[in-house]
C-alpha atoms as a PDB file:
ATOM      1  CA  MET A   1       4.470 -82.572  -6.909  1.00  0.00           C
ATOM      2  CA  GLU A   2       1.262 -84.619  -7.198  1.00  0.00           C
ATOM      3  CA  GLN A   3       2.127 -86.489  -4.000  1.00  0.00           C
ATOM      4  CA  GLY A   4       2.688 -83.143  -2.261  1.00  0.00           C
ATOM      5  CA  ARG A   5      -0.713 -81.895  -3.446  1.00  0.00           C
ATOM      6  CA  GLU A   6      -2.426 -85.007  -2.067  1.00  0.00           C
ATOM      7  CA  MET A   7      -0.575 -84.732   1.237  1.00  0.00           C
ATOM      8  CA  ALA A   8      -1.441 -81.019   1.539  1.00  0.00           C
ATOM      9  CA  ARG A   9      -5.114 -81.747   0.835  1.00  0.00           C
ATOM     10  CA  LEU A  10      -5.208 -84.512   3.446  1.00  0.00           C
ATOM     11  CA  ALA A  11      -3.456 -82.363   6.040  1.00  0.00           C
ATOM     12  CA  TRP A  12      -5.842 -79.470   5.372  1.00  0.00           C
ATOM     13  CA  GLN A  13      -8.821 -81.811   5.875  1.00  0.00           C
ATOM     14  CA  ALA A  14      -7.343 -83.141   9.137  1.00  0.00           C
ATOM     15  CA  LEU A  15      -6.797 -79.617  10.425  1.00  0.00           C
ATOM     16  CA  ASP A  16     -10.280 -78.525   9.379  1.00  0.00           C
ATOM     17  CA  GLU A  17     -11.869 -81.613  10.950  1.00  0.00           C
ATOM     18  CA  LYS A  18     -10.465 -80.635  14.358  1.00  0.00           C
ATOM     19  CA  LYS A  19     -11.495 -76.946  13.943  1.00  0.00           C
ATOM     20  CA  GLY A  20      -8.065 -75.534  13.221  1.00  0.00           C
ATOM     21  CA  GLU A  21      -8.335 -71.806  12.539  1.00  0.00           C
ATOM     22  CA  ASP A  22      -6.983 -69.684   9.694  1.00  0.00           C
ATOM     23  CA  ILE A  23      -5.556 -72.652   7.800  1.00  0.00           C
ATOM     24  CA  GLN A  24      -3.167 -71.406   5.116  1.00  0.00           C
ATOM     25  CA  ILE A  25      -1.566 -73.472   2.340  1.00  0.00           C
ATOM     26  CA  ILE A  26       1.558 -71.928   0.806  1.00  0.00           C
ATOM     27  CA  ASP A  27       3.087 -73.377  -2.357  1.00  0.00           C
ATOM     28  CA  ILE A  28       6.852 -73.002  -1.923  1.00  0.00           C
ATOM     29  CA  THR A  29       7.995 -75.158  -4.858  1.00  0.00           C
ATOM     30  CA  GLY A  30       9.609 -72.280  -6.724  1.00  0.00           C
ATOM     31  CA  ILE A  31      11.431 -70.826  -3.723  1.00  0.00           C
ATOM     32  CA  SER A  32      12.616 -73.766  -1.572  1.00  0.00           C
ATOM     33  CA  VAL A  33      13.831 -77.309  -1.987  1.00  0.00           C
ATOM     34  CA  MET A  34      12.814 -78.332   1.562  1.00  0.00           C
ATOM     35  CA  ALA A  35       9.151 -79.033   0.654  1.00  0.00           C
ATOM     36  CA  ASP A  36       6.400 -78.362  -1.871  1.00  0.00           C
ATOM     37  CA  TYR A  37       3.885 -76.892   0.575  1.00  0.00           C
ATOM     38  CA  PHE A  38       3.726 -75.260   4.000  1.00  0.00           C
ATOM     39  CA  LEU A  39       0.477 -75.528   5.924  1.00  0.00           C
ATOM     40  CA  ILE A  40      -0.063 -73.168   8.772  1.00  0.00           C
ATOM     41  CA  ALA A  41      -2.915 -73.392  11.280  1.00  0.00           C
ATOM     42  CA  THR A  42      -3.897 -72.056  14.677  1.00  0.00           C
ATOM     43  CA  GLY A  43      -5.263 -73.897  17.703  1.00  0.00           C
ATOM     44  CA  ASN A  44      -7.019 -72.102  20.584  1.00  0.00           C
ATOM     45  CA  SER A  45      -5.293 -74.030  23.378  1.00  0.00           C
ATOM     46  CA  ASP A  46      -2.417 -76.449  24.014  1.00  0.00           C
ATOM     47  CA  SER A  47      -4.866 -79.329  23.960  1.00  0.00           C
ATOM     48  CA  GLN A  48      -6.337 -78.247  20.628  1.00  0.00           C
ATOM     49  CA  VAL A  49      -2.858 -77.818  19.145  1.00  0.00           C
ATOM     50  CA  ARG A  50      -2.043 -81.378  20.207  1.00  0.00           C
ATOM     51  CA  ALA A  51      -5.370 -82.660  18.824  1.00  0.00           C
ATOM     52  CA  LEU A  52      -4.604 -81.000  15.500  1.00  0.00           C
ATOM     53  CA  VAL A  53      -1.125 -82.531  15.454  1.00  0.00           C
ATOM     54  CA  GLU A  54      -2.412 -86.013  16.253  1.00  0.00           C
ATOM     55  CA  ASN A  55      -5.149 -85.829  13.614  1.00  0.00           C
ATOM     56  CA  VAL A  56      -2.739 -84.713  10.879  1.00  0.00           C
ATOM     57  CA  GLU A  57      -0.278 -87.473  11.817  1.00  0.00           C
ATOM     58  CA  GLU A  58      -2.972 -90.146  11.920  1.00  0.00           C
ATOM     59  CA  THR A  59      -4.623 -89.036   8.670  1.00  0.00           C
ATOM     60  CA  LEU A  60      -1.379 -88.930   6.690  1.00  0.00           C
ATOM     61  CA  GLN A  61      -0.027 -92.165   8.179  1.00  0.00           C
ATOM     62  CA  LYS A  62      -3.259 -93.992   7.298  1.00  0.00           C
ATOM     63  CA  SER A  63      -2.664 -92.877   3.704  1.00  0.00           C
ATOM     64  CA  GLY A  64       0.859 -94.193   3.744  1.00  0.00           C
ATOM     65  CA  TYR A  65       2.804 -91.004   4.341  1.00  0.00           C
ATOM     66  CA  LEU A  66       5.451 -91.200   7.018  1.00  0.00           C
ATOM     67  CA  LEU A  67       6.346 -88.440   9.459  1.00  0.00           C
ATOM     68  CA  LYS A  68      10.013 -87.592   9.108  1.00  0.00           C
ATOM     69  CA  GLN A  69      10.288 -85.261  12.083  1.00  0.00           C
ATOM     70  CA  ARG A  70       8.182 -83.627  14.774  1.00  0.00           C
ATOM     71  CA  GLU A  71       9.345 -80.622  16.792  1.00  0.00           C
ATOM     72  CA  GLY A  72       7.719 -78.737  19.643  1.00  0.00           C
ATOM     73  CA  TYR A  73       4.990 -81.179  20.682  1.00  0.00           C
ATOM     74  CA  GLN A  74       5.773 -80.909  24.410  1.00  0.00           C
ATOM     75  CA  SER A  75       5.345 -77.113  24.485  1.00  0.00           C
ATOM     76  CA  GLY A  76       2.035 -77.064  22.559  1.00  0.00           C
ATOM     77  CA  SER A  77       2.709 -73.508  21.354  1.00  0.00           C
ATOM     78  CA  TRP A  78       4.297 -74.274  17.955  1.00  0.00           C
ATOM     79  CA  VAL A  79       4.511 -77.771  16.539  1.00  0.00           C
ATOM     80  CA  LEU A  80       6.272 -78.538  13.273  1.00  0.00           C
ATOM     81  CA  LEU A  81       5.468 -81.707  11.370  1.00  0.00           C
ATOM     82  CA  ASP A  82       7.816 -82.566   8.500  1.00  0.00           C
ATOM     83  CA  PHE A  83       6.415 -85.101   6.044  1.00  0.00           C
ATOM     84  CA  GLY A  84       9.014 -84.369   3.359  1.00  0.00           C
ATOM     85  CA  ASP A  85       6.798 -82.960   0.611  1.00  0.00           C
ATOM     86  CA  ILE A  86       4.839 -80.865   3.099  1.00  0.00           C
ATOM     87  CA  ILE A  87       5.641 -79.144   6.378  1.00  0.00           C
ATOM     88  CA  VAL A  88       2.780 -78.439   8.762  1.00  0.00           C
ATOM     89  CA  HIS A  89       3.083 -75.661  11.341  1.00  0.00           C
ATOM     90  CA  ILE A  90       0.470 -75.601  14.106  1.00  0.00           C
ATOM     91  CA  PHE A  91       0.588 -72.617  16.471  1.00  0.00           C
ATOM     92  CA  ASP A  92      -1.240 -71.139  19.370  1.00  0.00           C
ATOM     93  CA  LYS A  93      -2.524 -67.624  18.556  1.00  0.00           C
ATOM     94  CA  GLU A  94       0.238 -65.704  20.295  1.00  0.00           C
ATOM     95  CA  ASN A  95       3.081 -67.568  18.649  1.00  0.00           C
ATOM     96  CA  ARG A  96       1.488 -67.451  15.215  1.00  0.00           C
ATOM     97  CA  LEU A  97       1.317 -63.679  15.401  1.00  0.00           C
ATOM     98  CA  PHE A  98       4.869 -63.472  16.763  1.00  0.00           C
ATOM     99  CA  TYR A  99       6.545 -65.697  14.156  1.00  0.00           C
ATOM    100  CA  ASP A 100       4.375 -64.557  11.232  1.00  0.00           C
ATOM    101  CA  LEU A 101       5.484 -67.293   8.785  1.00  0.00           C
ATOM    102  CA  GLU A 102       3.146 -65.962   6.119  1.00  0.00           C
ATOM    103  CA  ARG A 103       5.269 -62.783   5.990  1.00  0.00           C
ATOM    104  CA  ILE A 104       8.534 -64.714   5.933  1.00  0.00           C
ATOM    105  CA  TRP A 105       7.281 -66.957   3.107  1.00  0.00           C
ATOM    106  CA  ARG A 106       5.395 -64.227   1.215  1.00  0.00           C
ATOM    107  CA  ASP A 107       7.282 -65.185  -1.974  1.00  0.00           C
ATOM    108  CA  GLY A 108       5.307 -68.437  -1.935  1.00  0.00           C
ATOM    109  CA  ARG A 109       1.857 -68.652  -3.494  1.00  0.00           C
ATOM    110  CA  VAL A 110      -1.112 -69.003  -1.184  1.00  0.00           C
ATOM    111  CA  VAL A 111      -3.409 -71.692  -2.587  1.00  0.00           C
ATOM    112  CA  SER A 112      -6.914 -72.759  -1.703  1.00  0.00           C
ATOM    113  CA  VAL A 113      -7.789 -76.331  -0.835  1.00  0.00           C
ATOM    114  CA  GLU A 114      -9.967 -76.385  -3.962  1.00  0.00           C
ATOM    115  CA  GLU A 115      -6.834 -75.922  -6.071  1.00  0.00           C
ATOM    116  CA  LEU A 116      -5.471 -79.147  -4.582  1.00  0.00           C
ATOM    117  CA  MET A 117      -8.492 -81.217  -5.586  1.00  0.00           C
END
């Protein structure tokens, strides 16, 4: 769990650094075994979505956390990054509204980045 908290904090910082919008951190430890946290963020364009993805990957890899799987990078509308303890979803605005992961995972607990410090 501590490793997941650190990874979530680093991913949040990487998303914030590249101006990701509406960054949400959802603690899913009590409701799923797939990860400890989901991070969800929005990019304003395909190029910003890709920049957010690349910054998260680079930041976590520099800290020794390996990417297990990446999905959707070519489309630039919804990219999923699976680091094991955390899963990062980066959307364009239209797809974020359409898929509404916050509603699907509403049983999780939304946490602030300060809680991860």
